[in-house]
Amino acid sequence: MAGSVNKVILIGNLGADPEIRQTQDGRPIANLRVATSESWRDRNSGERRERTEWHRVVIFNEGLARIAEQYLRKGSKVYIEGQLQTRKWERDGQDQYTTEVVLQGFNSALTMLDGRNEGDSSFSGSAPARSGGSSRPSEKAPAFDAGGADDDIPF
């Protein structure tokens, strides 16, 4: 097998409203802070423990950035697919590094998982927003109805 894979999948909650900046030519860039949590029961004490990880997410894709700006709010539950990128900059003569989940191009996705009145999200339903598709979120798709088609399955 040749090559490698750089893919990140996160399901978590926004810790703050998206921060939106503009490029010099007017395209939006969204910055998100996403929290993922892991919980378990301590074997020794029996207490419930929880650990939260914070992830920096940067959306360079114009359609996804506009969706984040319009529909995401602090507390919104999101599904994110992107790539890890590490940036380097200098502060006070010292090199600084930041690793972020970046959504750009066709290998990224943003899906809002909140329904109406869940969290602080004002959009109802799940709206998958793949970077290759429309930048307008759609209403929740109707459930698939097999209509007896499973009778034809040979296994």
C-alpha atoms as a PDB file:
ATOM      1  CA  MET A   1       0.000   0.000   0.000  1.00  0.00           C
ATOM      2  CA  ALA A   2       1.478   3.323  -1.011  1.00  0.00           C
ATOM      3  CA  GLY A   3       0.772   6.720   0.482  1.00  0.00           C
ATOM      4  CA  SER A   4      -0.707   7.756   3.775  1.00  0.00           C
ATOM      5  CA  VAL A   5      -3.939   9.051   5.299  1.00  0.00           C
ATOM      6  CA  ASN A   6      -4.500  12.342   7.109  1.00  0.00           C
ATOM      7  CA  LYS A   7      -8.139  12.309   8.201  1.00  0.00           C
ATOM      8  CA  VAL A   8      -9.800  13.497  11.401  1.00  0.00           C
ATOM      9  CA  ILE A   9     -13.393  12.771  12.415  1.00  0.00           C
ATOM     10  CA  LEU A  10     -14.857  14.590  15.408  1.00  0.00           C
ATOM     11  CA  ILE A  11     -18.282  14.560  17.016  1.00  0.00           C
ATOM     12  CA  GLY A  12     -18.518  17.186  19.706  1.00  0.00           C
ATOM     13  CA  ASN A  13     -19.972  20.450  20.939  1.00  0.00           C
ATOM     14  CA  LEU A  14     -18.922  24.019  20.178  1.00  0.00           C
ATOM     15  CA  GLY A  15     -17.389  25.759  23.190  1.00  0.00           C
ATOM     16  CA  ALA A  16     -18.119  29.223  21.760  1.00  0.00           C
ATOM     17  CA  ASP A  17     -19.881  30.850  18.820  1.00  0.00           C
ATOM     18  CA  PRO A  18     -17.870  30.533  15.583  1.00  0.00           C
ATOM     19  CA  GLU A  19     -15.333  33.295  14.974  1.00  0.00           C
ATOM     20  CA  ILE A  20     -15.627  34.534  11.395  1.00  0.00           C
ATOM     21  CA  ARG A  21     -12.834  36.405   9.615  1.00  0.00           C
ATOM     22  CA  GLN A  22     -12.560  37.511   6.004  1.00  0.00           C
ATOM     23  CA  THR A  23      -9.698  37.010   3.580  1.00  0.00           C
ATOM     24  CA  GLN A  24      -8.435  40.041   1.673  1.00  0.00           C
ATOM     25  CA  ASP A  25     -10.680  39.087  -1.241  1.00  0.00           C
ATOM     26  CA  GLY A  26     -13.752  38.770   1.033  1.00  0.00           C
ATOM     27  CA  ARG A  27     -14.039  35.010   1.502  1.00  0.00           C
ATOM     28  CA  PRO A  28     -15.070  33.882   5.012  1.00  0.00           C
ATOM     29  CA  ILE A  29     -12.884  31.745   7.281  1.00  0.00           C
ATOM     30  CA  ALA A  30     -14.523  30.197  10.344  1.00  0.00           C
ATOM     31  CA  ASN A  31     -12.690  29.227  13.535  1.00  0.00           C
ATOM     32  CA  LEU A  32     -14.391  26.754  15.861  1.00  0.00           C
ATOM     33  CA  ARG A  33     -13.507  25.388  19.283  1.00  0.00           C
ATOM     34  CA  VAL A  34     -14.927  21.867  19.558  1.00  0.00           C
ATOM     35  CA  ALA A  35     -15.040  19.833  22.773  1.00  0.00           C
ATOM     36  CA  THR A  36     -15.073  16.049  22.787  1.00  0.00           C
ATOM     37  CA  SER A  37     -15.627  14.191  26.053  1.00  0.00           C
ATOM     38  CA  GLU A  38     -14.808  10.739  27.293  1.00  0.00           C
ATOM     39  CA  SER A  39     -16.309   9.325  30.477  1.00  0.00           C
ATOM     40  CA  TRP A  40     -15.627   6.190  32.485  1.00  0.00           C
ATOM     41  CA  ARG A  41     -16.058   4.734  35.956  1.00  0.00           C
ATOM     42  CA  ASP A  42     -12.930   4.654  38.119  1.00  0.00           C
ATOM     43  CA  ARG A  43     -12.121   1.032  39.093  1.00  0.00           C
ATOM     44  CA  ASN A  44     -10.746   1.919  42.524  1.00  0.00           C
ATOM     45  CA  SER A  45     -13.262   4.495  43.781  1.00  0.00           C
ATOM     46  CA  GLY A  46     -16.260   3.675  41.596  1.00  0.00           C
ATOM     47  CA  GLU A  47     -16.615   7.393  40.809  1.00  0.00           C
ATOM     48  CA  ARG A  48     -17.612   8.553  37.392  1.00  0.00           C
ATOM     49  CA  ARG A  49     -14.717  10.379  35.654  1.00  0.00           C
ATOM     50  CA  GLU A  50     -14.735  12.579  32.598  1.00  0.00           C
ATOM     51  CA  ARG A  51     -12.029  14.056  30.393  1.00  0.00           C
ATOM     52  CA  THR A  52     -12.662  16.775  27.824  1.00  0.00           C
ATOM     53  CA  GLU A  53     -10.365  17.483  24.889  1.00  0.00           C
ATOM     54  CA  TRP A  54     -10.530  20.800  23.030  1.00  0.00           C
ATOM     55  CA  HIS A  55      -9.896  20.932  19.288  1.00  0.00           C
ATOM     56  CA  ARG A  56      -9.200  23.948  17.086  1.00  0.00           C
ATOM     57  CA  VAL A  57     -11.090  23.701  13.799  1.00  0.00           C
ATOM     58  CA  VAL A  58     -10.514  26.085  10.872  1.00  0.00           C
ATOM     59  CA  ILE A  59     -12.925  26.136   7.935  1.00  0.00           C
ATOM     60  CA  PHE A  60     -11.436  27.532   4.708  1.00  0.00           C
ATOM     61  CA  ASN A  61     -14.245  26.137   2.531  1.00  0.00           C
ATOM     62  CA  GLU A  62     -16.516  29.099   1.701  1.00  0.00           C
ATOM     63  CA  GLY A  63     -19.802  27.164   1.744  1.00  0.00           C
ATOM     64  CA  LEU A  64     -19.069  25.430   5.046  1.00  0.00           C
ATOM     65  CA  ALA A  65     -17.836  28.670   6.639  1.00  0.00           C
ATOM     66  CA  ARG A  66     -21.102  30.408   5.707  1.00  0.00           C
ATOM     67  CA  ILE A  67     -23.126  27.553   7.202  1.00  0.00           C
ATOM     68  CA  ALA A  68     -21.070  27.752  10.403  1.00  0.00           C
ATOM     69  CA  GLU A  69     -21.617  31.517  10.552  1.00  0.00           C
ATOM     70  CA  GLN A  70     -25.383  31.292  10.026  1.00  0.00           C
ATOM     71  CA  TYR A  71     -26.390  28.195  11.966  1.00  0.00           C
ATOM     72  CA  LEU A  72     -23.791  27.178  14.552  1.00  0.00           C
ATOM     73  CA  ARG A  73     -23.817  28.562  18.084  1.00  0.00           C
ATOM     74  CA  LYS A  74     -22.127  27.747  21.380  1.00  0.00           C
ATOM     75  CA  GLY A  75     -23.294  24.295  22.444  1.00  0.00           C
ATOM     76  CA  SER A  76     -24.175  23.092  18.920  1.00  0.00           C
ATOM     77  CA  LYS A  77     -23.394  19.416  18.335  1.00  0.00           C
ATOM     78  CA  VAL A  78     -21.431  18.859  15.126  1.00  0.00           C
ATOM     79  CA  TYR A  79     -19.854  16.087  13.067  1.00  0.00           C
ATOM     80  CA  ILE A  80     -16.642  17.257  11.420  1.00  0.00           C
ATOM     81  CA  GLU A  81     -14.324  15.613   8.892  1.00  0.00           C
ATOM     82  CA  GLY A  82     -11.055  17.297   8.034  1.00  0.00           C
ATOM     83  CA  GLN A  83      -7.280  17.021   8.072  1.00  0.00           C
ATOM     84  CA  LEU A  84      -4.643  17.815  10.672  1.00  0.00           C
ATOM     85  CA  GLN A  85      -2.324  20.707   9.867  1.00  0.00           C
ATOM     86  CA  THR A  86       0.384  22.246  12.017  1.00  0.00           C
ATOM     87  CA  ARG A  87       1.177  25.936  11.660  1.00  0.00           C
ATOM     88  CA  LYS A  88       4.416  27.575  12.796  1.00  0.00           C
ATOM     89  CA  TRP A  89       4.870  31.229  13.742  1.00  0.00           C
ATOM     90  CA  GLU A  90       7.258  33.286  15.808  1.00  0.00           C
ATOM     91  CA  ARG A  91       6.431  35.190  19.012  1.00  0.00           C
ATOM     92  CA  ASP A  92       9.057  37.052  21.031  1.00  0.00           C
ATOM     93  CA  GLY A  93      11.799  35.304  19.073  1.00  0.00           C
ATOM     94  CA  GLN A  94      10.447  31.830  19.947  1.00  0.00           C
ATOM     95  CA  ASP A  95       8.927  29.422  17.435  1.00  0.00           C
ATOM     96  CA  GLN A  96       5.292  28.592  18.250  1.00  0.00           C
ATOM     97  CA  TYR A  97       3.277  25.686  16.835  1.00  0.00           C
ATOM     98  CA  THR A  98      -0.465  25.048  16.619  1.00  0.00           C
ATOM     99  CA  THR A  99      -2.097  21.891  15.320  1.00  0.00           C
ATOM    100  CA  GLU A 100      -5.590  22.343  13.898  1.00  0.00           C
ATOM    101  CA  VAL A 101      -8.282  20.347  12.143  1.00  0.00           C
ATOM    102  CA  VAL A 102      -8.658  22.039   8.747  1.00  0.00           C
ATOM    103  CA  LEU A 103     -11.699  21.807   6.480  1.00  0.00           C
ATOM    104  CA  GLN A 104     -10.895  22.755   2.896  1.00  0.00           C
ATOM    105  CA  GLY A 105     -11.354  21.181  -0.494  1.00  0.00           C
ATOM    106  CA  PHE A 106     -13.400  18.063  -1.143  1.00  0.00           C
ATOM    107  CA  ASN A 107     -12.097  15.953   1.748  1.00  0.00           C
ATOM    108  CA  SER A 108     -14.049  17.841   4.404  1.00  0.00           C
ATOM    109  CA  ALA A 109     -17.536  17.723   5.894  1.00  0.00           C
ATOM    110  CA  LEU A 110     -19.599  19.585   8.466  1.00  0.00           C
ATOM    111  CA  THR A 111     -22.894  18.135   9.693  1.00  0.00           C
ATOM    112  CA  MET A 112     -25.105  19.803  12.270  1.00  0.00           C
ATOM    113  CA  LEU A 113     -26.420  17.128  14.622  1.00  0.00           C
ATOM    114  CA  ASP A 114     -28.774  19.276  16.712  1.00  0.00           C
ATOM    115  CA  GLY A 115     -32.493  19.352  16.112  1.00  0.00           C
ATOM    116  CA  ARG A 116     -34.747  22.317  16.814  1.00  0.00           C
ATOM    117  CA  ASN A 117     -34.333  23.760  20.325  1.00  0.00           C
ATOM    118  CA  GLU A 118     -31.394  21.505  21.156  1.00  0.00           C
ATOM    119  CA  GLY A 119     -28.335  23.362  22.380  1.00  0.00           C
ATOM    120  CA  ASP A 120     -28.389  26.907  21.058  1.00  0.00           C
ATOM    121  CA  SER A 121     -28.725  25.918  17.409  1.00  0.00           C
ATOM    122  CA  SER A 122     -31.653  27.591  15.662  1.00  0.00           C
ATOM    123  CA  PHE A 123     -31.642  25.273  12.620  1.00  0.00           C
ATOM    124  CA  SER A 124     -33.956  22.272  12.655  1.00  0.00           C
ATOM    125  CA  GLY A 125     -32.894  18.868  11.514  1.00  0.00           C
ATOM    126  CA  SER A 126     -29.628  17.435  10.368  1.00  0.00           C
ATOM    127  CA  ALA A 127     -27.991  19.280   7.508  1.00  0.00           C
ATOM    128  CA  PRO A 128     -25.054  17.516   5.933  1.00  0.00           C
ATOM    129  CA  ALA A 129     -22.862  20.054   4.189  1.00  0.00           C
ATOM    130  CA  ARG A 130     -20.179  18.383   2.150  1.00  0.00           C
ATOM    131  CA  SER A 131     -17.669  20.718   0.644  1.00  0.00           C
ATOM    132  CA  GLY A 132     -18.420  19.522  -2.863  1.00  0.00           C
ATOM    133  CA  GLY A 133     -22.151  20.221  -2.613  1.00  0.00           C
ATOM    134  CA  SER A 134     -24.416  23.170  -2.193  1.00  0.00           C
ATOM    135  CA  SER A 135     -23.600  25.718   0.465  1.00  0.00           C
ATOM    136  CA  ARG A 136     -27.287  25.959   1.400  1.00  0.00           C
ATOM    137  CA  PRO A 137     -28.387  23.604   4.195  1.00  0.00           C
ATOM    138  CA  SER A 138     -31.425  21.487   3.456  1.00  0.00           C
ATOM    139  CA  GLU A 139     -34.216  20.346   5.713  1.00  0.00           C
ATOM    140  CA  LYS A 140     -33.948  16.902   7.259  1.00  0.00           C
ATOM    141  CA  ALA A 141     -34.267  14.255   4.575  1.00  0.00           C
ATOM    142  CA  PRO A 142     -37.178  11.822   4.891  1.00  0.00           C
ATOM    143  CA  ALA A 143     -36.385   8.363   6.210  1.00  0.00           C
ATOM    144  CA  PHE A 144     -35.798   5.621   3.638  1.00  0.00           C
ATOM    145  CA  ASP A 145     -38.800   3.335   3.137  1.00  0.00           C
ATOM    146  CA  ALA A 146     -37.813  -0.060   1.794  1.00  0.00           C
ATOM    147  CA  GLY A 147     -41.443  -0.817   0.901  1.00  0.00           C
ATOM    148  CA  GLY A 148     -41.025  -4.591   1.133  1.00  0.00           C
ATOM    149  CA  ALA A 149     -37.827  -4.569  -0.944  1.00  0.00           C
ATOM    150  CA  ASP A 150     -36.088  -6.757   1.629  1.00  0.00           C
ATOM    151  CA  ASP A 151     -38.077  -9.764   0.312  1.00  0.00           C
ATOM    152  CA  ASP A 152     -35.875  -9.713  -2.793  1.00  0.00           C
ATOM    153  CA  ILE A 153     -32.571  -9.958  -0.916  1.00  0.00           C
ATOM    154  CA  PRO A 154     -31.039 -13.402  -1.635  1.00  0.00           C
ATOM    155  CA  PHE A 155     -29.215 -13.811   1.691  1.00  0.00           C
END
